Each structure stands twice: as C-alpha cells, then as structure tokens.
C-alpha cells in the first residue's frame, strides 16, 4: 500500500507541476514526509495554488482522505487533511 501511495502522490505532483505549481522534491521515505506534513498546522506545499486552480484533487490532503490511503495515516493526520479540504469547499 505504501508503494501505491508513493506512486499516486508522484502522479499528482507531476500533474500539479505541469500546471505551474512549485513543490519541494519527494524525500526517499515519501510516506514519512506525508505524515510529517499532515501533522503540521498548515496545508501542504502547493495547497493554496491548487485551490486557486480548482485542483485540490491533486493535493496530498485529498490523497490522505481517499479510502485507498486513509489507513496509512493516523486520525489526527486524516482529520487535519479533511478539515483543510472542507474549509476550502472541496466537498461542496
């Protein structure tokens, strides 16, 4: 499941970068990087740009709340992602 997540995140990042969204490179342990980002109090890098473009589907937060990857994250991380997406009107 972790490798599947990494590939999905890489795909989303490539699509976002093609839209002009700048992001830091993925670390060797992408899952640890994702967990660290989602444990913070801010959105992931590129979130605001993706929001402006109407492409939050490409965000780390959207991946984290996807049923395919939710088991990889603890409740606090998943809830943080969900809150950010809800505040941005992603589900509306």
C-alpha atoms as a PDB file:
ATOM      1  CA  UNK A   1       0.000   0.000   0.000  1.00  0.00           C
ATOM      2  CA  UNK A   2       2.868   2.387   0.756  1.00  0.00           C
ATOM      3  CA  UNK A   3       4.353   1.997  -2.716  1.00  0.00           C
ATOM      4  CA  UNK A   4       0.943   2.525  -4.276  1.00  0.00           C
ATOM      5  CA  UNK A   5       0.578   5.734  -2.236  1.00  0.00           C
ATOM      6  CA  UNK A   6       4.008   6.971  -3.325  1.00  0.00           C
ATOM      7  CA  UNK A   7       3.177   6.391  -6.987  1.00  0.00           C
ATOM      8  CA  UNK A   8      -0.174   8.164  -6.617  1.00  0.00           C
ATOM      9  CA  UNK A   9       1.470  11.131  -4.885  1.00  0.00           C
ATOM     10  CA  UNK A  10       4.167  11.293  -7.562  1.00  0.00           C
ATOM     11  CA  UNK A  11       1.459  11.322 -10.258  1.00  0.00           C
ATOM     12  CA  UNK A  12      -0.453  14.106  -8.507  1.00  0.00           C
ATOM     13  CA  UNK A  13       2.716  16.121  -8.069  1.00  0.00           C
ATOM     14  CA  UNK A  14       3.650  15.747 -11.747  1.00  0.00           C
ATOM     15  CA  UNK A  15       0.199  16.938 -12.796  1.00  0.00           C
ATOM     16  CA  UNK A  16       0.392  19.858 -10.361  1.00  0.00           C
ATOM     17  CA  UNK A  17       3.847  20.840 -11.579  1.00  0.00           C
ATOM     18  CA  UNK A  18       2.567  20.735 -15.172  1.00  0.00           C
ATOM     19  CA  UNK A  19       0.016  23.347 -14.057  1.00  0.00           C
ATOM     20  CA  UNK A  20       2.827  25.527 -12.698  1.00  0.00           C
ATOM     21  CA  UNK A  21       2.584  24.580  -9.026  1.00  0.00           C
ATOM     22  CA  UNK A  22       6.007  24.526  -7.386  1.00  0.00           C
ATOM     23  CA  UNK A  23       6.758  21.809  -4.847  1.00  0.00           C
ATOM     24  CA  UNK A  24       9.715  20.510  -2.924  1.00  0.00           C
ATOM     25  CA  UNK A  25      11.102  17.171  -4.100  1.00  0.00           C
ATOM     26  CA  UNK A  26       9.825  13.971  -2.565  1.00  0.00           C
ATOM     27  CA  UNK A  27      12.068  12.509   0.083  1.00  0.00           C
ATOM     28  CA  UNK A  28      13.271   8.927  -0.018  1.00  0.00           C
ATOM     29  CA  UNK A  29      10.629   7.987   2.565  1.00  0.00           C
ATOM     30  CA  UNK A  30       7.632   9.704   0.984  1.00  0.00           C
ATOM     31  CA  UNK A  31       5.160   8.299   3.496  1.00  0.00           C
ATOM     32  CA  UNK A  32       7.117   9.700   6.437  1.00  0.00           C
ATOM     33  CA  UNK A  33       7.266  13.032   4.602  1.00  0.00           C
ATOM     34  CA  UNK A  34       3.498  12.976   4.028  1.00  0.00           C
ATOM     35  CA  UNK A  35       2.811  12.099   7.662  1.00  0.00           C
ATOM     36  CA  UNK A  36       5.071  14.930   8.827  1.00  0.00           C
ATOM     37  CA  UNK A  37       3.311  17.422   6.549  1.00  0.00           C
ATOM     38  CA  UNK A  38      -0.131  16.308   7.695  1.00  0.00           C
ATOM     39  CA  UNK A  39       0.923  16.534  11.340  1.00  0.00           C
ATOM     40  CA  UNK A  40       1.591  20.247  10.934  1.00  0.00           C
ATOM     41  CA  UNK A  41      -0.828  23.076  11.342  1.00  0.00           C
ATOM     42  CA  UNK A  42      -0.646  24.344   7.778  1.00  0.00           C
ATOM     43  CA  UNK A  43      -1.710  22.953   4.437  1.00  0.00           C
ATOM     44  CA  UNK A  44       0.770  21.063   2.297  1.00  0.00           C
ATOM     45  CA  UNK A  45       3.010  22.962  -0.060  1.00  0.00           C
ATOM     46  CA  UNK A  46       1.102  23.940  -3.161  1.00  0.00           C
ATOM     47  CA  UNK A  47      -2.316  23.594  -1.473  1.00  0.00           C
ATOM     48  CA  UNK A  48      -3.232  27.264  -1.946  1.00  0.00           C
ATOM     49  CA  UNK A  49      -2.112  27.203  -5.572  1.00  0.00           C
ATOM     50  CA  UNK A  50      -4.094  24.043  -6.259  1.00  0.00           C
ATOM     51  CA  UNK A  51      -7.098  25.602  -4.545  1.00  0.00           C
ATOM     52  CA  UNK A  52      -6.904  28.649  -6.832  1.00  0.00           C
ATOM     53  CA  UNK A  53      -6.690  26.350  -9.843  1.00  0.00           C
ATOM     54  CA  UNK A  54      -9.657  24.285  -8.664  1.00  0.00           C
ATOM     55  CA  UNK A  55      -7.451  21.196  -8.496  1.00  0.00           C
ATOM     56  CA  UNK A  56      -7.373  20.196  -4.845  1.00  0.00           C
ATOM     57  CA  UNK A  57      -7.871  16.668  -6.126  1.00  0.00           C
ATOM     58  CA  UNK A  58      -4.104  16.745  -6.736  1.00  0.00           C
ATOM     59  CA  UNK A  59      -3.265  17.686  -3.137  1.00  0.00           C
ATOM     60  CA  UNK A  60      -1.683  15.490  -0.509  1.00  0.00           C
ATOM     61  CA  UNK A  61      -4.712  16.169   1.646  1.00  0.00           C
ATOM     62  CA  UNK A  62      -7.053  14.679  -0.973  1.00  0.00           C
ATOM     63  CA  UNK A  63      -4.895  11.560  -1.160  1.00  0.00           C
ATOM     64  CA  UNK A  64      -4.842  11.255   2.622  1.00  0.00           C
ATOM     65  CA  UNK A  65      -8.637  11.194   2.875  1.00  0.00           C
ATOM     66  CA  UNK A  66      -9.016   8.796  -0.031  1.00  0.00           C
ATOM     67  CA  UNK A  67     -10.313   5.447   1.195  1.00  0.00           C
ATOM     68  CA  UNK A  68      -7.393   3.759  -0.580  1.00  0.00           C
ATOM     69  CA  UNK A  69      -4.825   5.534   1.616  1.00  0.00           C
ATOM     70  CA  UNK A  70      -6.584   6.570   4.834  1.00  0.00           C
ATOM     71  CA  UNK A  71      -5.204   3.510   6.691  1.00  0.00           C
ATOM     72  CA  UNK A  72      -1.684   4.912   6.214  1.00  0.00           C
ATOM     73  CA  UNK A  73      -2.451   7.950   8.373  1.00  0.00           C
ATOM     74  CA  UNK A  74      -3.470   8.361  11.989  1.00  0.00           C
ATOM     75  CA  UNK A  75      -6.755  10.027  12.933  1.00  0.00           C
ATOM     76  CA  UNK A  76      -5.172  13.417  13.616  1.00  0.00           C
ATOM     77  CA  UNK A  77      -3.445  13.489  10.227  1.00  0.00           C
ATOM     78  CA  UNK A  78      -6.571  12.402   8.332  1.00  0.00           C
ATOM     79  CA  UNK A  79      -8.745  14.848  10.272  1.00  0.00           C
ATOM     80  CA  UNK A  80      -6.327  17.707   9.548  1.00  0.00           C
ATOM     81  CA  UNK A  81      -6.476  16.905   5.831  1.00  0.00           C
ATOM     82  CA  UNK A  82     -10.266  16.625   5.911  1.00  0.00           C
ATOM     83  CA  UNK A  83     -10.664  19.948   7.747  1.00  0.00           C
ATOM     84  CA  UNK A  84      -8.474  21.787   5.244  1.00  0.00           C
ATOM     85  CA  UNK A  85     -10.393  20.335   2.322  1.00  0.00           C
ATOM     86  CA  UNK A  86     -13.755  21.129   3.899  1.00  0.00           C
ATOM     87  CA  UNK A  87     -12.696  24.715   4.691  1.00  0.00           C
ATOM     88  CA  UNK A  88     -11.719  25.098   1.045  1.00  0.00           C
ATOM     89  CA  UNK A  89     -15.080  23.832  -0.174  1.00  0.00           C
ATOM     90  CA  UNK A  90     -13.579  20.739  -1.807  1.00  0.00           C
ATOM     91  CA  UNK A  91     -16.590  18.602  -0.920  1.00  0.00           C
ATOM     92  CA  UNK A  92     -19.169  21.270  -1.682  1.00  0.00           C
END
